[in-house]
Amino acid sequence: MAVIAALNVYPLKAAGGIDLAQAELLPTGIRFDRMFMVVTEAGAFVTQRELPALAVVRTKILPDGLCLEHDGSQLKLPLDARAGKIVETAVHGASCQGFDQGEEAAAWITNAVGKYGGASLRLLAFDHTAPRRVDPFFAPEETHAGFADSFPYLVTSTASLAQLNQMLVMGGEETVPMNRFRPNIVIDGLDPFEEDDISILRFPESNAAVRLVKPCARCVVTTVDQETGARGKEPLKSLGRFRVGTDRRGERGIMFGQKAILEQGSGALLSNGESVVVELKK
């Protein structure tokens, strides 16, 4: 039987995630997921691709705000930030905008992870009054996301990671944890890479469901140790030996996990350990 093995939220895009016992599902993703983002002074988004040190910025959701922690220093941001200068930005070409969180926040994040290209960094809170549409080729036009790379949810499976780790060990490499892939929902009880053939994951106990719409092409972020911020070559090098594929549009990539959208259950509370019903593609 398939069950939920883990639920994760990443309030600040590219920073450390939070393991959840329960997750509130929204059309834009798990509540608070990727609602803040680091940008340059010119408004270009910055992630672990550019600054691996973002991995060691820890996040904590408090009743009255989001707490960022790094090397003993803390910064608190309002969870529902709707004030500050509007900044136009984009995530992989998809236009969106956010509220600049001010000089203190900018100085804190720049001090924590360093400048990029010689320029200081800024922190943005997503502007919900200007929804960001996802790629309509893969999802209905009314589907929106926050600052996530492309779609509101990312689903992975424990069996797929186990097979990858088996290959790493056979090649003399160390195994990697699931946090290298930064998923929102991790499923246990599937066959390795069975998620490639799944259309919908239903969660009967929560009366919710997500639709898997696109394989996730992986990048150098998978090579960043999420505990230290150090970058290597694995698991991307080994993954590239057996997981190069194409999506429905014919775009190639090294695939691990599936991008997903909410099919049913806006506002539902998903619980770690609850059962999952699989609907395969027809």
C-alpha atoms as a PDB file:
ATOM      1  CA  MET A   1       0.000   0.000   0.000  1.00  0.00           C
ATOM      2  CA  ALA A   2       1.251   3.458  -0.883  1.00  0.00           C
ATOM      3  CA  VAL A   3       1.462   6.045   1.902  1.00  0.00           C
ATOM      4  CA  ILE A   4       2.804   9.547   2.392  1.00  0.00           C
ATOM      5  CA  ALA A   5       6.383   9.253   3.669  1.00  0.00           C
ATOM      6  CA  ALA A   6       7.139  12.970   4.053  1.00  0.00           C
ATOM      7  CA  LEU A   7       5.685  16.442   3.578  1.00  0.00           C
ATOM      8  CA  ASN A   8       7.947  19.452   3.101  1.00  0.00           C
ATOM      9  CA  VAL A   9       7.505  23.182   2.724  1.00  0.00           C
ATOM     10  CA  TYR A  10      10.112  25.730   1.645  1.00  0.00           C
ATOM     11  CA  PRO A  11       8.888  29.208   2.717  1.00  0.00           C
ATOM     12  CA  LEU A  12      11.989  30.918   1.288  1.00  0.00           C
ATOM     13  CA  LYS A  13      12.808  29.625  -2.184  1.00  0.00           C
ATOM     14  CA  ALA A  14      16.237  27.910  -2.191  1.00  0.00           C
ATOM     15  CA  ALA A  15      16.615  28.000   1.602  1.00  0.00           C
ATOM     16  CA  GLY A  16      16.221  25.100   4.014  1.00  0.00           C
ATOM     17  CA  GLY A  17      12.920  23.258   4.091  1.00  0.00           C
ATOM     18  CA  ILE A  18      10.624  22.280   6.947  1.00  0.00           C
ATOM     19  CA  ASP A  19       9.364  18.747   7.597  1.00  0.00           C
ATOM     20  CA  LEU A  20       5.630  18.799   8.308  1.00  0.00           C
ATOM     21  CA  ALA A  21       3.308  16.420  10.121  1.00  0.00           C
ATOM     22  CA  GLN A  22       0.399  18.067   8.293  1.00  0.00           C
ATOM     23  CA  ALA A  23       0.289  20.271   5.207  1.00  0.00           C
ATOM     24  CA  GLU A  24      -2.522  22.525   4.058  1.00  0.00           C
ATOM     25  CA  LEU A  25      -3.064  22.085   0.336  1.00  0.00           C
ATOM     26  CA  LEU A  26      -3.789  25.153  -1.780  1.00  0.00           C
ATOM     27  CA  PRO A  27      -3.964  25.582  -5.569  1.00  0.00           C
ATOM     28  CA  THR A  28      -0.648  27.473  -5.372  1.00  0.00           C
ATOM     29  CA  GLY A  29       1.055  24.696  -3.381  1.00  0.00           C
ATOM     30  CA  ILE A  30       1.429  23.787   0.274  1.00  0.00           C
ATOM     31  CA  ARG A  31       0.542  26.807   2.386  1.00  0.00           C
ATOM     32  CA  PHE A  32       3.569  29.176   2.649  1.00  0.00           C
ATOM     33  CA  ASP A  33       5.607  27.234   0.063  1.00  0.00           C
ATOM     34  CA  ARG A  34       8.023  29.460  -1.881  1.00  0.00           C
ATOM     35  CA  MET A  35       6.257  32.620  -0.749  1.00  0.00           C
ATOM     36  CA  PHE A  36       9.571  34.461  -0.334  1.00  0.00           C
ATOM     37  CA  MET A  37      12.471  34.680  -2.771  1.00  0.00           C
ATOM     38  CA  VAL A  38      15.972  36.128  -2.979  1.00  0.00           C
ATOM     39  CA  VAL A  39      16.643  38.506  -5.869  1.00  0.00           C
ATOM     40  CA  THR A  40      19.435  40.760  -7.038  1.00  0.00           C
ATOM     41  CA  GLU A  41      19.116  44.514  -6.815  1.00  0.00           C
ATOM     42  CA  ALA A  42      17.962  44.374 -10.440  1.00  0.00           C
ATOM     43  CA  GLY A  43      15.175  41.922  -9.553  1.00  0.00           C
ATOM     44  CA  ALA A  44      16.664  38.700 -11.000  1.00  0.00           C
ATOM     45  CA  PHE A  45      15.893  35.624  -8.919  1.00  0.00           C
ATOM     46  CA  VAL A  46      18.745  33.830  -7.149  1.00  0.00           C
ATOM     47  CA  THR A  47      18.780  30.208  -5.969  1.00  0.00           C
ATOM     48  CA  GLN A  48      21.290  27.546  -4.967  1.00  0.00           C
ATOM     49  CA  ARG A  49      22.290  27.355  -8.625  1.00  0.00           C
ATOM     50  CA  GLU A  50      24.047  30.692  -8.126  1.00  0.00           C
ATOM     51  CA  LEU A  51      24.606  30.707  -4.351  1.00  0.00           C
ATOM     52  CA  PRO A  52      24.779  27.213  -2.784  1.00  0.00           C
ATOM     53  CA  ALA A  53      25.120  28.853   0.639  1.00  0.00           C
ATOM     54  CA  LEU A  54      21.353  29.474   0.574  1.00  0.00           C
ATOM     55  CA  ALA A  55      20.947  25.803   1.535  1.00  0.00           C
ATOM     56  CA  VAL A  56      22.117  26.492   5.084  1.00  0.00           C
ATOM     57  CA  VAL A  57      19.662  29.328   5.721  1.00  0.00           C
ATOM     58  CA  ARG A  58      17.150  27.639   8.032  1.00  0.00           C
ATOM     59  CA  THR A  59      13.474  28.504   8.093  1.00  0.00           C
ATOM     60  CA  LYS A  60      10.909  28.262  10.868  1.00  0.00           C
ATOM     61  CA  ILE A  61       7.221  29.146  10.729  1.00  0.00           C
ATOM     62  CA  LEU A  62       6.093  30.919  13.894  1.00  0.00           C
ATOM     63  CA  PRO A  63       2.568  32.046  14.841  1.00  0.00           C
ATOM     64  CA  ASP A  64       3.483  35.643  14.020  1.00  0.00           C
ATOM     65  CA  GLY A  65       5.938  35.289  11.159  1.00  0.00           C
ATOM     66  CA  LEU A  66       8.683  33.483   9.273  1.00  0.00           C
ATOM     67  CA  CYS A  67      12.013  33.204  11.069  1.00  0.00           C
ATOM     68  CA  LEU A  68      15.203  32.879   9.034  1.00  0.00           C
ATOM     69  CA  GLU A  69      18.327  31.640  10.816  1.00  0.00           C
ATOM     70  CA  HIS A  70      21.966  31.581   9.778  1.00  0.00           C
ATOM     71  CA  ASP A  71      25.087  31.185  11.891  1.00  0.00           C
ATOM     72  CA  GLY A  72      23.330  32.287  15.084  1.00  0.00           C
ATOM     73  CA  SER A  73      21.653  35.315  13.508  1.00  0.00           C
ATOM     74  CA  GLN A  74      17.903  35.584  12.951  1.00  0.00           C
ATOM     75  CA  LEU A  75      15.540  37.619  10.798  1.00  0.00           C
ATOM     76  CA  LYS A  76      11.768  37.635  11.210  1.00  0.00           C
ATOM     77  CA  LEU A  77       9.414  38.404   8.320  1.00  0.00           C
ATOM     78  CA  PRO A  78       5.603  38.696   8.316  1.00  0.00           C
ATOM     79  CA  LEU A  79       4.034  35.580   6.789  1.00  0.00           C
ATOM     80  CA  ASP A  80       1.431  37.596   4.926  1.00  0.00           C
ATOM     81  CA  ALA A  81       3.629  40.455   3.791  1.00  0.00           C
ATOM     82  CA  ARG A  82       1.668  42.981   1.737  1.00  0.00           C
ATOM     83  CA  ALA A  83       3.778  46.059   2.177  1.00  0.00           C
ATOM     84  CA  GLY A  84       6.897  47.419   0.546  1.00  0.00           C
ATOM     85  CA  LYS A  85       7.991  48.486  -2.886  1.00  0.00           C
ATOM     86  CA  ILE A  86       6.600  46.351  -5.719  1.00  0.00           C
ATOM     87  CA  VAL A  87       9.423  44.662  -7.640  1.00  0.00           C
ATOM     88  CA  GLU A  88       8.903  43.100 -11.064  1.00  0.00           C
ATOM     89  CA  THR A  89      10.685  39.782 -11.402  1.00  0.00           C
ATOM     90  CA  ALA A  90      10.417  36.420 -13.175  1.00  0.00           C
ATOM     91  CA  VAL A  91      11.061  32.748 -12.434  1.00  0.00           C
ATOM     92  CA  HIS A  92      12.419  30.893 -15.451  1.00  0.00           C
ATOM     93  CA  GLY A  93      10.761  33.377 -17.774  1.00  0.00           C
ATOM     94  CA  ALA A  94       7.384  33.451 -16.001  1.00  0.00           C
ATOM     95  CA  SER A  95       6.679  37.023 -14.949  1.00  0.00           C
ATOM     96  CA  CYS A  96       5.563  37.804 -11.400  1.00  0.00           C
ATOM     97  CA  GLN A  97       6.087  40.421  -8.750  1.00  0.00           C
ATOM     98  CA  GLY A  98       6.765  40.737  -5.050  1.00  0.00           C
ATOM     99  CA  PHE A  99       6.971  43.153  -2.146  1.00  0.00           C
ATOM    100  CA  ASP A 100      10.509  44.217  -1.230  1.00  0.00           C
ATOM    101  CA  GLN A 101      11.069  43.422   2.453  1.00  0.00           C
ATOM    102  CA  GLY A 102      13.249  46.432   3.165  1.00  0.00           C
ATOM    103  CA  GLU A 103      16.813  47.342   3.988  1.00  0.00           C
ATOM    104  CA  GLU A 104      17.207  45.268   7.159  1.00  0.00           C
ATOM    105  CA  ALA A 105      16.109  42.111   5.346  1.00  0.00           C
ATOM    106  CA  ALA A 106      18.354  42.915   2.374  1.00  0.00           C
ATOM    107  CA  ALA A 107      21.387  43.448   4.596  1.00  0.00           C
ATOM    108  CA  TRP A 108      20.671  40.265   6.558  1.00  0.00           C
ATOM    109  CA  ILE A 109      20.397  37.918   3.560  1.00  0.00           C
ATOM    110  CA  THR A 110      23.426  39.500   1.839  1.00  0.00           C
ATOM    111  CA  ASN A 111      25.486  39.065   4.989  1.00  0.00           C
ATOM    112  CA  ALA A 112      24.288  35.466   5.347  1.00  0.00           C
ATOM    113  CA  VAL A 113      25.038  34.151   1.853  1.00  0.00           C
ATOM    114  CA  GLY A 114      27.168  36.831   0.228  1.00  0.00           C
ATOM    115  CA  LYS A 115      26.774  39.077  -2.770  1.00  0.00           C
ATOM    116  CA  TYR A 116      26.063  37.755  -6.249  1.00  0.00           C
ATOM    117  CA  GLY A 117      27.974  39.204  -9.163  1.00  0.00           C
ATOM    118  CA  GLY A 118      29.317  41.845  -6.801  1.00  0.00           C
ATOM    119  CA  ALA A 119      25.822  43.118  -5.989  1.00  0.00           C
ATOM    120  CA  SER A 120      23.816  42.946  -2.781  1.00  0.00           C
ATOM    121  CA  LEU A 121      20.658  40.856  -2.492  1.00  0.00           C
ATOM    122  CA  ARG A 122      17.043  41.646  -1.653  1.00  0.00           C
ATOM    123  CA  LEU A 123      14.170  39.619  -0.199  1.00  0.00           C
ATOM    124  CA  LEU A 124      10.762  39.594  -1.858  1.00  0.00           C
ATOM    125  CA  ALA A 125       7.381  38.393  -0.601  1.00  0.00           C
ATOM    126  CA  PHE A 126       5.099  37.057  -3.323  1.00  0.00           C
ATOM    127  CA  ASP A 127       2.337  39.435  -4.423  1.00  0.00           C
ATOM    128  CA  HIS A 128      -0.855  37.367  -4.416  1.00  0.00           C
ATOM    129  CA  THR A 129      -2.766  40.144  -6.174  1.00  0.00           C
ATOM    130  CA  ALA A 130      -0.783  39.375  -9.343  1.00  0.00           C
ATOM    131  CA  PRO A 131      -1.127  35.577  -9.834  1.00  0.00           C
ATOM    132  CA  ARG A 132       1.626  33.806 -11.723  1.00  0.00           C
ATOM    133  CA  ARG A 133       0.283  31.377 -14.312  1.00  0.00           C
ATOM    134  CA  VAL A 134       2.013  28.069 -14.872  1.00  0.00           C
ATOM    135  CA  ASP A 135       2.788  26.691 -18.323  1.00  0.00           C
ATOM    136  CA  PRO A 136      -0.658  26.143 -19.949  1.00  0.00           C
ATOM    137  CA  PHE A 137       0.778  23.363 -22.126  1.00  0.00           C
ATOM    138  CA  PHE A 138       0.792  21.088 -19.073  1.00  0.00           C
ATOM    139  CA  ALA A 139      -1.981  22.480 -16.860  1.00  0.00           C
ATOM    140  CA  PRO A 140      -5.260  24.405 -17.065  1.00  0.00           C
ATOM    141  CA  GLU A 141      -4.844  28.134 -17.669  1.00  0.00           C
ATOM    142  CA  GLU A 142      -6.301  28.995 -14.255  1.00  0.00           C
ATOM    143  CA  THR A 143      -3.466  27.138 -12.468  1.00  0.00           C
ATOM    144  CA  HIS A 144      -1.116  29.421 -10.554  1.00  0.00           C
ATOM    145  CA  ALA A 145       2.052  29.109  -8.495  1.00  0.00           C
ATOM    146  CA  GLY A 146       4.072  31.227  -6.100  1.00  0.00           C
ATOM    147  CA  PHE A 147       7.844  31.473  -6.548  1.00  0.00           C
ATOM    148  CA  ALA A 148       8.229  27.711  -7.230  1.00  0.00           C
ATOM    149  CA  ASP A 149      10.302  26.917 -10.313  1.00  0.00           C
ATOM    150  CA  SER A 150       7.351  25.934 -12.491  1.00  0.00           C
ATOM    151  CA  PHE A 151       4.436  24.122 -10.805  1.00  0.00           C
ATOM    152  CA  PRO A 152       2.893  24.241  -7.321  1.00  0.00           C
ATOM    153  CA  TYR A 153       3.916  20.732  -6.168  1.00  0.00           C
ATOM    154  CA  LEU A 154       6.833  18.345  -6.582  1.00  0.00           C
ATOM    155  CA  VAL A 155       6.277  14.646  -5.887  1.00  0.00           C
ATOM    156  CA  THR A 156       9.005  12.026  -5.416  1.00  0.00           C
ATOM    157  CA  SER A 157       9.113   8.419  -4.170  1.00  0.00           C
ATOM    158  CA  THR A 158      11.327   6.574  -1.695  1.00  0.00           C
ATOM    159  CA  ALA A 159      11.760   3.661  -4.113  1.00  0.00           C
ATOM    160  CA  SER A 160      13.182   5.905  -6.821  1.00  0.00           C
ATOM    161  CA  LEU A 161      15.711   7.356  -4.400  1.00  0.00           C
ATOM    162  CA  ALA A 162      16.625   3.855  -3.209  1.00  0.00           C
ATOM    163  CA  GLN A 163      17.363   2.752  -6.778  1.00  0.00           C
ATOM    164  CA  LEU A 164      19.445   5.845  -7.415  1.00  0.00           C
ATOM    165  CA  ASN A 165      21.396   5.281  -4.200  1.00  0.00           C
ATOM    166  CA  GLN A 166      22.004   1.677  -5.182  1.00  0.00           C
ATOM    167  CA  MET A 167      23.600   2.910  -8.409  1.00  0.00           C
ATOM    168  CA  LEU A 168      25.673   5.458  -6.502  1.00  0.00           C
ATOM    169  CA  VAL A 169      27.032   2.772  -4.181  1.00  0.00           C
ATOM    170  CA  MET A 170      27.810   0.464  -7.119  1.00  0.00           C
ATOM    171  CA  GLY A 171      29.806   3.324  -8.634  1.00  0.00           C
ATOM    172  CA  GLY A 172      31.761   3.903  -5.445  1.00  0.00           C
ATOM    173  CA  GLU A 173      29.853   7.057  -4.503  1.00  0.00           C
ATOM    174  CA  GLU A 174      28.080   7.997  -1.284  1.00  0.00           C
ATOM    175  CA  THR A 175      24.312   7.834  -1.023  1.00  0.00           C
ATOM    176  CA  VAL A 176      22.256  11.036  -0.947  1.00  0.00           C
ATOM    177  CA  PRO A 177      19.178  11.979   1.104  1.00  0.00           C
ATOM    178  CA  MET A 178      15.848  12.980  -0.392  1.00  0.00           C
ATOM    179  CA  ASN A 179      16.403  16.631   0.508  1.00  0.00           C
ATOM    180  CA  ARG A 180      18.750  16.941  -2.482  1.00  0.00           C
ATOM    181  CA  PHE A 181      15.577  16.915  -4.616  1.00  0.00           C
ATOM    182  CA  ARG A 182      13.539  19.325  -2.444  1.00  0.00           C
ATOM    183  CA  PRO A 183      10.133  17.625  -2.853  1.00  0.00           C
ATOM    184  CA  ASN A 184       6.833  18.666  -1.299  1.00  0.00           C
ATOM    185  CA  ILE A 185       5.246  15.197  -1.149  1.00  0.00           C
ATOM    186  CA  VAL A 186       7.214  11.948  -0.838  1.00  0.00           C
ATOM    187  CA  ILE A 187       5.405   8.651  -1.451  1.00  0.00           C
ATOM    188  CA  ASP A 188       6.400   5.272  -0.035  1.00  0.00           C
ATOM    189  CA  GLY A 189       5.148   1.966  -1.446  1.00  0.00           C
ATOM    190  CA  LEU A 190       5.616   2.600  -5.175  1.00  0.00           C
ATOM    191  CA  ASP A 191       7.950   0.749  -7.502  1.00  0.00           C
ATOM    192  CA  PRO A 192      11.095   2.645  -8.566  1.00  0.00           C
ATOM    193  CA  PHE A 193      10.071   5.486 -10.899  1.00  0.00           C
ATOM    194  CA  GLU A 194       6.469   4.274 -10.992  1.00  0.00           C
ATOM    195  CA  GLU A 195       5.540   7.936 -10.571  1.00  0.00           C
ATOM    196  CA  ASP A 196       6.362   8.361 -14.276  1.00  0.00           C
ATOM    197  CA  ASP A 197       3.238   6.338 -15.090  1.00  0.00           C
ATOM    198  CA  ILE A 198       0.876   7.921 -12.571  1.00  0.00           C
ATOM    199  CA  SER A 199      -1.826  10.385 -13.543  1.00  0.00           C
ATOM    200  CA  ILE A 200      -3.393  11.185 -10.154  1.00  0.00           C
ATOM    201  CA  LEU A 201      -2.524  10.573  -6.520  1.00  0.00           C
ATOM    202  CA  ARG A 202      -5.650  10.511  -4.363  1.00  0.00           C
ATOM    203  CA  PHE A 203      -5.653  10.936  -0.587  1.00  0.00           C
ATOM    204  CA  PRO A 204      -8.992   9.498   0.614  1.00  0.00           C
ATOM    205  CA  GLU A 205      -8.514  10.441   4.265  1.00  0.00           C
ATOM    206  CA  SER A 206      -8.116  14.114   3.316  1.00  0.00           C
ATOM    207  CA  ASN A 207     -10.528  14.020   0.360  1.00  0.00           C
ATOM    208  CA  ALA A 208      -7.775  15.556  -1.762  1.00  0.00           C
ATOM    209  CA  ALA A 209      -5.814  14.717  -4.895  1.00  0.00           C
ATOM    210  CA  VAL A 210      -2.896  15.983  -6.965  1.00  0.00           C
ATOM    211  CA  ARG A 211      -2.423  15.480 -10.693  1.00  0.00           C
ATOM    212  CA  LEU A 212       1.081  14.680 -11.929  1.00  0.00           C
ATOM    213  CA  VAL A 213       1.642  16.761 -15.059  1.00  0.00           C
ATOM    214  CA  LYS A 214       5.313  16.772 -15.972  1.00  0.00           C
ATOM    215  CA  PRO A 215       8.587  15.002 -15.107  1.00  0.00           C
ATOM    216  CA  CYS A 216      10.997  17.231 -13.216  1.00  0.00           C
ATOM    217  CA  ALA A 217      14.246  17.971 -15.059  1.00  0.00           C
ATOM    218  CA  ARG A 218      17.001  18.230 -12.474  1.00  0.00           C
ATOM    219  CA  CYS A 219      19.841  20.733 -12.241  1.00  0.00           C
ATOM    220  CA  VAL A 220      22.997  21.388 -10.206  1.00  0.00           C
ATOM    221  CA  VAL A 221      20.938  22.051  -7.055  1.00  0.00           C
ATOM    222  CA  THR A 222      20.850  18.261  -6.570  1.00  0.00           C
ATOM    223  CA  THR A 223      24.641  18.365  -6.128  1.00  0.00           C
ATOM    224  CA  VAL A 224      24.431  20.781  -3.174  1.00  0.00           C
ATOM    225  CA  ASP A 225      24.681  19.247   0.296  1.00  0.00           C
ATOM    226  CA  GLN A 226      21.634  20.719   2.021  1.00  0.00           C
ATOM    227  CA  GLU A 227      23.333  20.588   5.425  1.00  0.00           C
ATOM    228  CA  THR A 228      26.610  22.294   4.519  1.00  0.00           C
ATOM    229  CA  GLY A 229      26.035  24.129   1.225  1.00  0.00           C
ATOM    230  CA  ALA A 230      29.006  22.306  -0.352  1.00  0.00           C
ATOM    231  CA  ARG A 231      28.645  21.428  -4.044  1.00  0.00           C
ATOM    232  CA  GLY A 232      29.866  18.253  -5.744  1.00  0.00           C
ATOM    233  CA  LYS A 233      29.037  16.265  -8.891  1.00  0.00           C
ATOM    234  CA  GLU A 234      26.602  13.685  -7.534  1.00  0.00           C
ATOM    235  CA  PRO A 235      23.915  12.514  -7.794  1.00  0.00           C
ATOM    236  CA  LEU A 236      23.418  14.386 -11.071  1.00  0.00           C
ATOM    237  CA  LYS A 237      26.326  12.670 -12.822  1.00  0.00           C
ATOM    238  CA  SER A 238      25.057   9.159 -12.042  1.00  0.00           C
ATOM    239  CA  LEU A 239      21.416  10.084 -12.561  1.00  0.00           C
ATOM    240  CA  GLY A 240      22.312  11.274 -16.035  1.00  0.00           C
ATOM    241  CA  ARG A 241      23.420   7.760 -16.979  1.00  0.00           C
ATOM    242  CA  PHE A 242      19.941   6.265 -16.762  1.00  0.00           C
ATOM    243  CA  ARG A 243      17.325   8.977 -16.334  1.00  0.00           C
ATOM    244  CA  VAL A 244      17.638  11.202 -19.406  1.00  0.00           C
ATOM    245  CA  GLY A 245      14.187  11.588 -20.925  1.00  0.00           C
ATOM    246  CA  THR A 246      11.732  13.946 -22.551  1.00  0.00           C
ATOM    247  CA  ASP A 247       8.488  15.520 -21.418  1.00  0.00           C
ATOM    248  CA  ARG A 248       5.300  15.660 -23.491  1.00  0.00           C
ATOM    249  CA  ARG A 249       6.590  18.709 -25.325  1.00  0.00           C
ATOM    250  CA  GLY A 250       9.777  16.897 -26.274  1.00  0.00           C
ATOM    251  CA  GLU A 251      12.146  18.817 -24.000  1.00  0.00           C
ATOM    252  CA  ARG A 252      15.001  16.663 -22.710  1.00  0.00           C
ATOM    253  CA  GLY A 253      16.414  16.559 -19.228  1.00  0.00           C
ATOM    254  CA  ILE A 254      17.728  14.403 -16.399  1.00  0.00           C
ATOM    255  CA  MET A 255      14.457  13.433 -14.739  1.00  0.00           C
ATOM    256  CA  PHE A 256      13.663  12.704 -11.107  1.00  0.00           C
ATOM    257  CA  GLY A 257      10.225  13.249  -9.595  1.00  0.00           C
ATOM    258  CA  GLN A 258       7.061  14.718 -11.036  1.00  0.00           C
ATOM    259  CA  LYS A 259       5.658  18.235 -11.045  1.00  0.00           C
ATOM    260  CA  ALA A 260       2.036  18.319  -9.926  1.00  0.00           C
ATOM    261  CA  ILE A 261      -1.008  20.537  -9.507  1.00  0.00           C
ATOM    262  CA  LEU A 262      -3.918  20.356  -7.086  1.00  0.00           C
ATOM    263  CA  GLU A 263      -6.730  18.298  -8.566  1.00  0.00           C
ATOM    264  CA  GLN A 264      -9.071  18.333  -5.570  1.00  0.00           C
ATOM    265  CA  GLY A 265      -9.167  19.533  -1.974  1.00  0.00           C
ATOM    266  CA  SER A 266      -8.223  23.202  -1.653  1.00  0.00           C
ATOM    267  CA  GLY A 267      -7.786  23.822   2.070  1.00  0.00           C
ATOM    268  CA  ALA A 268      -7.505  20.113   2.896  1.00  0.00           C
ATOM    269  CA  LEU A 269      -5.010  19.022   5.547  1.00  0.00           C
ATOM    270  CA  LEU A 270      -2.746  16.252   4.262  1.00  0.00           C
ATOM    271  CA  SER A 271      -1.106  14.114   6.970  1.00  0.00           C
ATOM    272  CA  ASN A 272       2.203  12.312   6.961  1.00  0.00           C
ATOM    273  CA  GLY A 273       1.556   8.563   6.921  1.00  0.00           C
ATOM    274  CA  GLU A 274      -1.886   8.640   5.343  1.00  0.00           C
ATOM    275  CA  SER A 275      -2.808   6.272   2.517  1.00  0.00           C
ATOM    276  CA  VAL A 276      -2.489   7.059  -1.170  1.00  0.00           C
ATOM    277  CA  VAL A 277      -4.569   5.696  -4.037  1.00  0.00           C
ATOM    278  CA  VAL A 278      -2.782   5.624  -7.379  1.00  0.00           C
ATOM    279  CA  GLU A 279      -4.478   6.233 -10.730  1.00  0.00           C
ATOM    280  CA  LEU A 280      -2.261   5.314 -13.663  1.00  0.00           C
ATOM    281  CA  LYS A 281      -2.184   7.102 -16.993  1.00  0.00           C
ATOM    282  CA  LYS A 282      -4.540   5.654 -19.582  1.00  0.00           C
END
